[in-house]
Amino acid sequence: MSKKETFRVVTRASDGTLRIRDFPSPDPILKMHTQIGVDDSSADLALRGLPVFRGLIGPIPEGKNIVRYESPEVFELMSKEWANKKSKRRRRTARPATE
């Protein structure tokens, strides 16, 4: 279980662009958002016990040492992009017939 060293908050700026802010701990986020609980059911064990904030979706693992929180608007946008992403088709190579 690795320790998360960066706490990332992703929101939408007034001009529609993504606004990403990184923090070394969840303390600055606590000053901006109200903590409503702690994560106790994440499949990523390193996220268990991390704070859950009102108005943010998360914690979400991002890489090895980053935990991410997103505004609901960004979460919806990213989820739609992920769902609509087309994967490359894999083509099976034909094996030569053996006699």
PDB file of N, CA and C in Angstrom:
ATOM      1  N   MET A   1       0.850  -1.162   0.000  1.00  0.00           N
ATOM      2  CA  MET A   1       0.000   0.000   0.000  1.00  0.00           C
ATOM      3  C   MET A   1       0.899   1.230   0.000  1.00  0.00           C
ATOM      4  N   SER A   2       0.797   2.063  -1.047  1.00  0.00           N
ATOM      5  CA  SER A   2       1.652   3.237  -1.147  1.00  0.00           C
ATOM      6  C   SER A   2       0.959   4.445  -0.532  1.00  0.00           C
ATOM      7  N   LYS A   3       1.775   5.353  -0.041  1.00  0.00           N
ATOM      8  CA  LYS A   3       1.246   6.573   0.559  1.00  0.00           C
ATOM      9  C   LYS A   3       1.000   7.601  -0.540  1.00  0.00           C
ATOM     10  N   LYS A   4      -0.165   8.218  -0.513  1.00  0.00           N
ATOM     11  CA  LYS A   4      -0.491   9.251  -1.489  1.00  0.00           C
ATOM     12  C   LYS A   4       0.180  10.552  -1.055  1.00  0.00           C
ATOM     13  N   GLU A   5       0.975  11.151  -1.939  1.00  0.00           N
ATOM     14  CA  GLU A   5       1.748  12.339  -1.603  1.00  0.00           C
ATOM     15  C   GLU A   5       1.176  13.613  -2.193  1.00  0.00           C
ATOM     16  N   THR A   6       0.322  13.509  -3.210  1.00  0.00           N
ATOM     17  CA  THR A   6      -0.257  14.689  -3.842  1.00  0.00           C
ATOM     18  C   THR A   6      -1.770  14.563  -3.853  1.00  0.00           C
ATOM     19  N   PHE A   7      -2.434  15.628  -3.435  1.00  0.00           N
ATOM     20  CA  PHE A   7      -3.885  15.685  -3.434  1.00  0.00           C
ATOM     21  C   PHE A   7      -4.288  16.681  -4.510  1.00  0.00           C
ATOM     22  N   ARG A   8      -4.941  16.199  -5.564  1.00  0.00           N
ATOM     23  CA  ARG A   8      -5.273  17.001  -6.739  1.00  0.00           C
ATOM     24  C   ARG A   8      -6.770  17.285  -6.764  1.00  0.00           C
ATOM     25  N   VAL A   9      -7.110  18.560  -6.972  1.00  0.00           N
ATOM     26  CA  VAL A   9      -8.505  18.974  -7.111  1.00  0.00           C
ATOM     27  C   VAL A   9      -8.678  19.496  -8.532  1.00  0.00           C
ATOM     28  N   VAL A  10      -9.635  18.912  -9.267  1.00  0.00           N
ATOM     29  CA  VAL A  10      -9.893  19.304 -10.654  1.00  0.00           C
ATOM     30  C   VAL A  10     -11.299  19.878 -10.722  1.00  0.00           C
ATOM     31  N   THR A  11     -11.375  21.152 -11.138  1.00  0.00           N
ATOM     32  CA  THR A  11     -12.656  21.833 -11.285  1.00  0.00           C
ATOM     33  C   THR A  11     -12.679  22.516 -12.650  1.00  0.00           C
ATOM     34  N   ARG A  12     -13.770  23.173 -12.932  1.00  0.00           N
ATOM     35  CA  ARG A  12     -13.920  23.885 -14.191  1.00  0.00           C
ATOM     36  C   ARG A  12     -13.785  25.383 -13.926  1.00  0.00           C
ATOM     37  N   ALA A  13     -12.923  26.067 -14.705  1.00  0.00           N
ATOM     38  CA  ALA A  13     -12.765  27.514 -14.587  1.00  0.00           C
ATOM     39  C   ALA A  13     -13.951  28.203 -15.250  1.00  0.00           C
ATOM     40  N   SER A  14     -14.097  29.498 -15.045  1.00  0.00           N
ATOM     41  CA  SER A  14     -15.242  30.229 -15.591  1.00  0.00           C
ATOM     42  C   SER A  14     -15.245  30.252 -17.118  1.00  0.00           C
ATOM     43  N   ASP A  15     -14.059  30.100 -17.736  1.00  0.00           N
ATOM     44  CA  ASP A  15     -14.007  30.082 -19.204  1.00  0.00           C
ATOM     45  C   ASP A  15     -14.189  28.675 -19.782  1.00  0.00           C
ATOM     46  N   GLY A  16     -14.446  27.682 -18.929  1.00  0.00           N
ATOM     47  CA  GLY A  16     -14.714  26.326 -19.396  1.00  0.00           C
ATOM     48  C   GLY A  16     -13.513  25.399 -19.392  1.00  0.00           C
ATOM     49  N   THR A  17     -12.329  25.915 -19.139  1.00  0.00           N
ATOM     50  CA  THR A  17     -11.138  25.073 -19.115  1.00  0.00           C
ATOM     51  C   THR A  17     -11.047  24.338 -17.774  1.00  0.00           C
ATOM     52  N   LEU A  18     -10.251  23.277 -17.743  1.00  0.00           N
ATOM     53  CA  LEU A  18     -10.047  22.537 -16.504  1.00  0.00           C
ATOM     54  C   LEU A  18      -9.056  23.291 -15.626  1.00  0.00           C
ATOM     55  N   ARG A  19      -9.357  23.345 -14.360  1.00  0.00           N
ATOM     56  CA  ARG A  19      -8.482  23.990 -13.384  1.00  0.00           C
ATOM     57  C   ARG A  19      -7.970  22.898 -12.451  1.00  0.00           C
ATOM     58  N   ILE A  20      -6.662  22.703 -12.434  1.00  0.00           N
ATOM     59  CA  ILE A  20      -6.052  21.644 -11.628  1.00  0.00           C
ATOM     60  C   ILE A  20      -5.177  22.289 -10.563  1.00  0.00           C
ATOM     61  N   ARG A  21      -5.437  21.917  -9.314  1.00  0.00           N
ATOM     62  CA  ARG A  21      -4.629  22.418  -8.197  1.00  0.00           C
ATOM     63  C   ARG A  21      -4.120  21.231  -7.404  1.00  0.00           C
ATOM     64  N   ASP A  22      -2.822  21.230  -7.135  1.00  0.00           N
ATOM     65  CA  ASP A  22      -2.193  20.158  -6.372  1.00  0.00           C
ATOM     66  C   ASP A  22      -1.809  20.664  -4.985  1.00  0.00           C
ATOM     67  N   PHE A  23      -1.999  19.799  -3.991  1.00  0.00           N
ATOM     68  CA  PHE A  23      -1.684  20.120  -2.613  1.00  0.00           C
ATOM     69  C   PHE A  23      -0.867  18.973  -2.013  1.00  0.00           C
ATOM     70  N   PRO A  24       0.026  19.266  -1.053  1.00  0.00           N
ATOM     71  CA  PRO A  24       0.826  18.201  -0.429  1.00  0.00           C
ATOM     72  C   PRO A  24       0.053  17.390   0.611  1.00  0.00           C
ATOM     73  N   SER A  25      -1.100  17.903   1.052  1.00  0.00           N
ATOM     74  CA  SER A  25      -1.921  17.206   2.046  1.00  0.00           C
ATOM     75  C   SER A  25      -3.377  17.617   1.837  1.00  0.00           C
ATOM     76  N   PRO A  26      -4.316  16.935   2.481  1.00  0.00           N
ATOM     77  CA  PRO A  26      -5.720  17.327   2.329  1.00  0.00           C
ATOM     78  C   PRO A  26      -6.108  18.561   3.152  1.00  0.00           C
ATOM     79  N   ASP A  27      -5.201  19.074   3.984  1.00  0.00           N
ATOM     80  CA  ASP A  27      -5.532  20.202   4.862  1.00  0.00           C
ATOM     81  C   ASP A  27      -6.018  21.447   4.120  1.00  0.00           C
ATOM     82  N   PRO A  28      -5.351  21.894   3.030  1.00  0.00           N
ATOM     83  CA  PRO A  28      -5.873  23.065   2.319  1.00  0.00           C
ATOM     84  C   PRO A  28      -7.262  22.827   1.714  1.00  0.00           C
ATOM     85  N   ILE A  29      -7.555  21.592   1.333  1.00  0.00           N
ATOM     86  CA  ILE A  29      -8.870  21.271   0.777  1.00  0.00           C
ATOM     87  C   ILE A  29      -9.926  21.383   1.879  1.00  0.00           C
ATOM     88  N   LEU A  30      -9.536  21.005   3.106  1.00  0.00           N
ATOM     89  CA  LEU A  30     -10.450  21.114   4.250  1.00  0.00           C
ATOM     90  C   LEU A  30     -10.853  22.554   4.516  1.00  0.00           C
ATOM     91  N   LYS A  31     -10.001  23.508   4.149  1.00  0.00           N
ATOM     92  CA  LYS A  31     -10.328  24.923   4.350  1.00  0.00           C
ATOM     93  C   LYS A  31     -11.330  25.419   3.306  1.00  0.00           C
ATOM     94  N   MET A  32     -11.404  24.726   2.148  1.00  0.00           N
ATOM     95  CA  MET A  32     -12.298  25.154   1.069  1.00  0.00           C
ATOM     96  C   MET A  32     -13.596  24.353   1.025  1.00  0.00           C
ATOM     97  N   HIS A  33     -13.564  23.110   1.525  1.00  0.00           N
ATOM     98  CA  HIS A  33     -14.723  22.216   1.445  1.00  0.00           C
ATOM     99  C   HIS A  33     -14.967  21.572   2.803  1.00  0.00           C
ATOM    100  N   THR A  34     -16.205  21.194   3.041  1.00  0.00           N
ATOM    101  CA  THR A  34     -16.586  20.534   4.285  1.00  0.00           C
ATOM    102  C   THR A  34     -16.392  19.033   4.144  1.00  0.00           C
ATOM    103  N   GLN A  35     -15.694  18.442   5.117  1.00  0.00           N
ATOM    104  CA  GLN A  35     -15.528  16.992   5.110  1.00  0.00           C
ATOM    105  C   GLN A  35     -16.807  16.357   5.619  1.00  0.00           C
ATOM    106  N   ILE A  36     -17.309  15.375   4.844  1.00  0.00           N
ATOM    107  CA  ILE A  36     -18.566  14.720   5.235  1.00  0.00           C
ATOM    108  C   ILE A  36     -18.368  13.257   5.614  1.00  0.00           C
ATOM    109  N   GLY A  37     -17.123  12.796   5.582  1.00  0.00           N
ATOM    110  CA  GLY A  37     -16.858  11.414   5.951  1.00  0.00           C
ATOM    111  C   GLY A  37     -15.480  10.999   5.505  1.00  0.00           C
ATOM    112  N   VAL A  38     -15.234   9.693   5.564  1.00  0.00           N
ATOM    113  CA  VAL A  38     -13.977   9.130   5.094  1.00  0.00           C
ATOM    114  C   VAL A  38     -14.286   7.960   4.175  1.00  0.00           C
ATOM    115  N   ASP A  39     -13.403   7.726   3.238  1.00  0.00           N
ATOM    116  CA  ASP A  39     -13.572   6.603   2.313  1.00  0.00           C
ATOM    117  C   ASP A  39     -13.315   5.313   3.078  1.00  0.00           C
ATOM    118  N   ASP A  40     -14.282   4.413   3.034  1.00  0.00           N
ATOM    119  CA  ASP A  40     -14.102   3.139   3.728  1.00  0.00           C
ATOM    120  C   ASP A  40     -14.406   1.947   2.834  1.00  0.00           C
ATOM    121  N   SER A  41     -14.568   2.193   1.522  1.00  0.00           N
ATOM    122  CA  SER A  41     -14.941   1.073   0.659  1.00  0.00           C
ATOM    123  C   SER A  41     -14.170   1.030  -0.657  1.00  0.00           C
ATOM    124  N   SER A  42     -13.119   1.803  -0.792  1.00  0.00           N
ATOM    125  CA  SER A  42     -12.372   1.833  -2.046  1.00  0.00           C
ATOM    126  C   SER A  42     -11.632   0.515  -2.271  1.00  0.00           C
ATOM    127  N   ALA A  43     -11.574   0.109  -3.532  1.00  0.00           N
ATOM    128  CA  ALA A  43     -10.805  -1.091  -3.884  1.00  0.00           C
ATOM    129  C   ALA A  43      -9.312  -0.817  -3.737  1.00  0.00           C
ATOM    130  N   ASP A  44      -8.906   0.437  -3.900  1.00  0.00           N
ATOM    131  CA  ASP A  44      -7.512   0.838  -3.695  1.00  0.00           C
ATOM    132  C   ASP A  44      -7.327   1.078  -2.199  1.00  0.00           C
ATOM    133  N   LEU A  45      -6.622   0.185  -1.542  1.00  0.00           N
ATOM    134  CA  LEU A  45      -6.489   0.258  -0.086  1.00  0.00           C
ATOM    135  C   LEU A  45      -5.820   1.540   0.387  1.00  0.00           C
ATOM    136  N   ALA A  46      -4.990   2.169  -0.460  1.00  0.00           N
ATOM    137  CA  ALA A  46      -4.316   3.406  -0.077  1.00  0.00           C
ATOM    138  C   ALA A  46      -5.303   4.566   0.054  1.00  0.00           C
ATOM    139  N   LEU A  47      -6.496   4.433  -0.512  1.00  0.00           N
ATOM    140  CA  LEU A  47      -7.501   5.502  -0.428  1.00  0.00           C
ATOM    141  C   LEU A  47      -8.386   5.385   0.808  1.00  0.00           C
ATOM    142  N   ARG A  48      -8.420   4.225   1.400  1.00  0.00           N
ATOM    143  CA  ARG A  48      -9.281   4.036   2.572  1.00  0.00           C
ATOM    144  C   ARG A  48      -8.818   4.934   3.713  1.00  0.00           C
ATOM    145  N   GLY A  49      -9.777   5.596   4.313  1.00  0.00           N
ATOM    146  CA  GLY A  49      -9.480   6.504   5.415  1.00  0.00           C
ATOM    147  C   GLY A  49      -9.248   7.934   4.971  1.00  0.00           C
ATOM    148  N   LEU A  50      -9.173   8.176   3.652  1.00  0.00           N
ATOM    149  CA  LEU A  50      -8.997   9.547   3.172  1.00  0.00           C
ATOM    150  C   LEU A  50     -10.327  10.285   3.238  1.00  0.00           C
ATOM    151  N   PRO A  51     -10.278  11.601   3.364  1.00  0.00           N
ATOM    152  CA  PRO A  51     -11.525  12.352   3.521  1.00  0.00           C
ATOM    153  C   PRO A  51     -12.395  12.367   2.265  1.00  0.00           C
ATOM    154  N   VAL A  52     -13.708  12.456   2.495  1.00  0.00           N
ATOM    155  CA  VAL A  52     -14.708  12.659   1.448  1.00  0.00           C
ATOM    156  C   VAL A  52     -15.267  14.058   1.694  1.00  0.00           C
ATOM    157  N   PHE A  53     -15.309  14.880   0.638  1.00  0.00           N
ATOM    158  CA  PHE A  53     -15.716  16.275   0.776  1.00  0.00           C
ATOM    159  C   PHE A  53     -17.055  16.539   0.106  1.00  0.00           C
ATOM    160  N   ARG A  54     -17.849  17.424   0.714  1.00  0.00           N
ATOM    161  CA  ARG A  54     -19.111  17.863   0.106  1.00  0.00           C
ATOM    162  C   ARG A  54     -18.783  18.669  -1.147  1.00  0.00           C
ATOM    163  N   GLY A  55     -19.438  18.340  -2.253  1.00  0.00           N
ATOM    164  CA  GLY A  55     -19.235  19.077  -3.490  1.00  0.00           C
ATOM    165  C   GLY A  55     -18.112  18.549  -4.362  1.00  0.00           C
ATOM    166  N   LEU A  56     -17.418  17.495  -3.930  1.00  0.00           N
ATOM    167  CA  LEU A  56     -16.354  16.894  -4.729  1.00  0.00           C
ATOM    168  C   LEU A  56     -16.567  15.389  -4.826  1.00  0.00           C
ATOM    169  N   ILE A  57     -16.212  14.826  -5.963  1.00  0.00           N
ATOM    170  CA  ILE A  57     -16.239  13.381  -6.157  1.00  0.00           C
ATOM    171  C   ILE A  57     -14.838  12.879  -5.860  1.00  0.00           C
ATOM    172  N   GLY A  58     -14.726  11.874  -5.021  1.00  0.00           N
ATOM    173  CA  GLY A  58     -13.408  11.329  -4.717  1.00  0.00           C
ATOM    174  C   GLY A  58     -13.381  10.790  -3.316  1.00  0.00           C
ATOM    175  N   PRO A  59     -12.301  10.231  -2.947  1.00  0.00           N
ATOM    176  CA  PRO A  59     -10.999  10.184  -3.605  1.00  0.00           C
ATOM    177  C   PRO A  59     -10.952   9.174  -4.763  1.00  0.00           C
ATOM    178  N   ILE A  60     -10.191   9.547  -5.793  1.00  0.00           N
ATOM    179  CA  ILE A  60     -10.009   8.720  -6.978  1.00  0.00           C
ATOM    180  C   ILE A  60      -8.505   8.515  -7.153  1.00  0.00           C
ATOM    181  N   PRO A  61      -8.039   7.285  -7.363  1.00  0.00           N
ATOM    182  CA  PRO A  61      -6.601   7.090  -7.572  1.00  0.00           C
ATOM    183  C   PRO A  61      -6.183   7.625  -8.938  1.00  0.00           C
ATOM    184  N   GLU A  62      -5.061   8.305  -8.972  1.00  0.00           N
ATOM    185  CA  GLU A  62      -4.495   8.787 -10.233  1.00  0.00           C
ATOM    186  C   GLU A  62      -2.988   8.561 -10.152  1.00  0.00           C
ATOM    187  N   GLY A  63      -2.547   7.524 -10.803  1.00  0.00           N
ATOM    188  CA  GLY A  63      -1.127   7.194 -10.711  1.00  0.00           C
ATOM    189  C   GLY A  63      -0.808   6.585  -9.358  1.00  0.00           C
ATOM    190  N   LYS A  64       0.482   6.501  -9.087  1.00  0.00           N
ATOM    191  CA  LYS A  64       0.926   5.812  -7.880  1.00  0.00           C
ATOM    192  C   LYS A  64       0.799   6.658  -6.606  1.00  0.00           C
ATOM    193  N   ASN A  65       1.094   7.961  -6.701  1.00  0.00           N
ATOM    194  CA  ASN A  65       1.149   8.786  -5.497  1.00  0.00           C
ATOM    195  C   ASN A  65       0.164   9.941  -5.483  1.00  0.00           C
ATOM    196  N   ILE A  66      -0.816   9.936  -6.388  1.00  0.00           N
ATOM    197  CA  ILE A  66      -1.750  11.058  -6.481  1.00  0.00           C
ATOM    198  C   ILE A  66      -3.163  10.578  -6.182  1.00  0.00           C
ATOM    199  N   VAL A  67      -3.856  11.349  -5.357  1.00  0.00           N
ATOM    200  CA  VAL A  67      -5.276  11.120  -5.111  1.00  0.00           C
ATOM    201  C   VAL A  67      -6.008  12.325  -5.685  1.00  0.00           C
ATOM    202  N   ARG A  68      -7.091  12.060  -6.378  1.00  0.00           N
ATOM    203  CA  ARG A  68      -7.784  13.100  -7.143  1.00  0.00           C
ATOM    204  C   ARG A  68      -9.203  13.298  -6.632  1.00  0.00           C
ATOM    205  N   TYR A  69      -9.609  14.554  -6.579  1.00  0.00           N
ATOM    206  CA  TYR A  69     -10.989  14.929  -6.275  1.00  0.00           C
ATOM    207  C   TYR A  69     -11.462  15.778  -7.447  1.00  0.00           C
ATOM    208  N   GLU A  70     -12.705  15.556  -7.890  1.00  0.00           N
ATOM    209  CA  GLU A  70     -13.246  16.290  -9.028  1.00  0.00           C
ATOM    210  C   GLU A  70     -14.587  16.906  -8.667  1.00  0.00           C
ATOM    211  N   SER A  71     -14.883  18.037  -9.298  1.00  0.00           N
ATOM    212  CA  SER A  71     -16.225  18.598  -9.155  1.00  0.00           C
ATOM    213  C   SER A  71     -17.176  17.667  -9.906  1.00  0.00           C
ATOM    214  N   PRO A  72     -18.460  17.645  -9.544  1.00  0.00           N
ATOM    215  CA  PRO A  72     -19.403  16.764 -10.248  1.00  0.00           C
ATOM    216  C   PRO A  72     -19.432  17.020 -11.759  1.00  0.00           C
ATOM    217  N   GLU A  73     -19.303  18.278 -12.165  1.00  0.00           N
ATOM    218  CA  GLU A  73     -19.309  18.627 -13.585  1.00  0.00           C
ATOM    219  C   GLU A  73     -18.117  17.999 -14.314  1.00  0.00           C
ATOM    220  N   VAL A  74     -16.939  18.091 -13.725  1.00  0.00           N
ATOM    221  CA  VAL A  74     -15.734  17.501 -14.329  1.00  0.00           C
ATOM    222  C   VAL A  74     -15.851  15.988 -14.338  1.00  0.00           C
ATOM    223  N   PHE A  75     -16.361  15.404 -13.256  1.00  0.00           N
ATOM    224  CA  PHE A  75     -16.521  13.957 -13.183  1.00  0.00           C
ATOM    225  C   PHE A  75     -17.425  13.463 -14.309  1.00  0.00           C
ATOM    226  N   GLU A  76     -18.536  14.161 -14.538  1.00  0.00           N
ATOM    227  CA  GLU A  76     -19.456  13.771 -15.603  1.00  0.00           C
ATOM    228  C   GLU A  76     -18.789  13.897 -16.973  1.00  0.00           C
ATOM    229  N   LEU A  77     -18.069  14.988 -17.190  1.00  0.00           N
ATOM    230  CA  LEU A  77     -17.374  15.208 -18.458  1.00  0.00           C
ATOM    231  C   LEU A  77     -16.339  14.115 -18.715  1.00  0.00           C
ATOM    232  N   MET A  78     -15.518  13.816 -17.711  1.00  0.00           N
ATOM    233  CA  MET A  78     -14.472  12.802 -17.857  1.00  0.00           C
ATOM    234  C   MET A  78     -15.071  11.413 -18.056  1.00  0.00           C
ATOM    235  N   SER A  79     -16.160  11.127 -17.362  1.00  0.00           N
ATOM    236  CA  SER A  79     -16.809   9.823 -17.508  1.00  0.00           C
ATOM    237  C   SER A  79     -17.368   9.642 -18.914  1.00  0.00           C
ATOM    238  N   LYS A  80     -17.971  10.695 -19.460  1.00  0.00           N
ATOM    239  CA  LYS A  80     -18.504  10.619 -20.818  1.00  0.00           C
ATOM    240  C   LYS A  80     -17.382  10.426 -21.832  1.00  0.00           C
ATOM    241  N   GLU A  81     -16.275  11.160 -21.658  1.00  0.00           N
ATOM    242  CA  GLU A  81     -15.131  11.001 -22.567  1.00  0.00           C
ATOM    243  C   GLU A  81     -14.588   9.578 -22.500  1.00  0.00           C
ATOM    244  N   TRP A  82     -14.485   9.038 -21.290  1.00  0.00           N
ATOM    245  CA  TRP A  82     -13.955   7.693 -21.118  1.00  0.00           C
ATOM    246  C   TRP A  82     -14.888   6.663 -21.765  1.00  0.00           C
ATOM    247  N   ALA A  83     -16.192   6.848 -21.592  1.00  0.00           N
ATOM    248  CA  ALA A  83     -17.160   5.895 -22.145  1.00  0.00           C
ATOM    249  C   ALA A  83     -17.207   5.948 -23.668  1.00  0.00           C
ATOM    250  N   ASN A  84     -16.990   7.119 -24.248  1.00  0.00           N
ATOM    251  CA  ASN A  84     -17.061   7.276 -25.699  1.00  0.00           C
ATOM    252  C   ASN A  84     -15.748   6.976 -26.404  1.00  0.00           C
ATOM    253  N   LYS A  85     -14.697   6.774 -25.638  1.00  0.00           N
ATOM    254  CA  LYS A  85     -13.391   6.490 -26.225  1.00  0.00           C
ATOM    255  C   LYS A  85     -13.435   5.126 -26.913  1.00  0.00           C
ATOM    256  N   LYS A  86     -13.072   5.118 -28.166  1.00  0.00           N
ATOM    257  CA  LYS A  86     -13.091   3.866 -28.927  1.00  0.00           C
ATOM    258  C   LYS A  86     -11.742   3.176 -28.764  1.00  0.00           C
ATOM    259  N   SER A  87     -11.812   1.912 -28.461  1.00  0.00           N
ATOM    260  CA  SER A  87     -10.573   1.157 -28.333  1.00  0.00           C
ATOM    261  C   SER A  87     -10.197   0.600 -29.706  1.00  0.00           C
ATOM    262  N   LYS A  88      -8.900   0.424 -29.885  1.00  0.00           N
ATOM    263  CA  LYS A  88      -8.428  -0.127 -31.151  1.00  0.00           C
ATOM    264  C   LYS A  88      -8.837  -1.586 -31.243  1.00  0.00           C
ATOM    265  N   ARG A  89      -9.283  -1.964 -32.420  1.00  0.00           N
ATOM    266  CA  ARG A  89      -9.656  -3.368 -32.605  1.00  0.00           C
ATOM    267  C   ARG A  89      -8.401  -4.211 -32.712  1.00  0.00           C
ATOM    268  N   ARG A  90      -8.427  -5.306 -32.038  1.00  0.00           N
ATOM    269  CA  ARG A  90      -7.313  -6.248 -32.128  1.00  0.00           C
ATOM    270  C   ARG A  90      -7.626  -7.264 -33.198  1.00  0.00           C
ATOM    271  N   ARG A  91      -6.631  -7.579 -33.912  1.00  0.00           N
ATOM    272  CA  ARG A  91      -6.818  -8.538 -34.980  1.00  0.00           C
ATOM    273  C   ARG A  91      -6.038  -9.800 -34.648  1.00  0.00           C
ATOM    274  N   ARG A  92      -6.707 -10.889 -34.727  1.00  0.00           N
ATOM    275  CA  ARG A  92      -6.033 -12.154 -34.435  1.00  0.00           C
ATOM    276  C   ARG A  92      -5.188 -12.559 -35.620  1.00  0.00           C
ATOM    277  N   THR A  93      -4.032 -13.038 -35.321  1.00  0.00           N
ATOM    278  CA  THR A  93      -3.182 -13.536 -36.403  1.00  0.00           C
ATOM    279  C   THR A  93      -3.538 -14.990 -36.659  1.00  0.00           C
ATOM    280  N   ALA A  94      -3.612 -15.307 -37.910  1.00  0.00           N
ATOM    281  CA  ALA A  94      -3.970 -16.677 -38.274  1.00  0.00           C
ATOM    282  C   ALA A  94      -2.759 -17.581 -38.078  1.00  0.00           C
ATOM    283  N   ARG A  95      -2.986 -18.687 -37.452  1.00  0.00           N
ATOM    284  CA  ARG A  95      -1.907 -19.650 -37.267  1.00  0.00           C
ATOM    285  C   ARG A  95      -1.879 -20.582 -38.477  1.00  0.00           C
ATOM    286  N   PRO A  96      -0.704 -20.897 -38.935  1.00  0.00           N
ATOM    287  CA  PRO A  96      -0.622 -21.821 -40.077  1.00  0.00           C
ATOM    288  C   PRO A  96      -1.131 -23.206 -39.642  1.00  0.00           C
ATOM    289  N   ALA A  97      -1.833 -23.839 -40.537  1.00  0.00           N
ATOM    290  CA  ALA A  97      -2.369 -25.169 -40.265  1.00  0.00           C
ATOM    291  C   ALA A  97      -1.233 -26.180 -40.168  1.00  0.00           C
ATOM    292  N   THR A  98      -1.291 -26.995 -39.161  1.00  0.00           N
ATOM    293  CA  THR A  98      -0.269 -28.043 -39.015  1.00  0.00           C
ATOM    294  C   THR A  98      -0.895 -29.375 -39.400  1.00  0.00           C
ATOM    295  N   GLU A  99      -0.115 -30.131 -40.107  1.00  0.00           N
ATOM    296  CA  GLU A  99      -0.633 -31.447 -40.547  1.00  0.00           C
ATOM    297  C   GLU A  99      -0.136 -32.549 -39.691  1.00  0.00           C
TER     298      GLU A  99
END
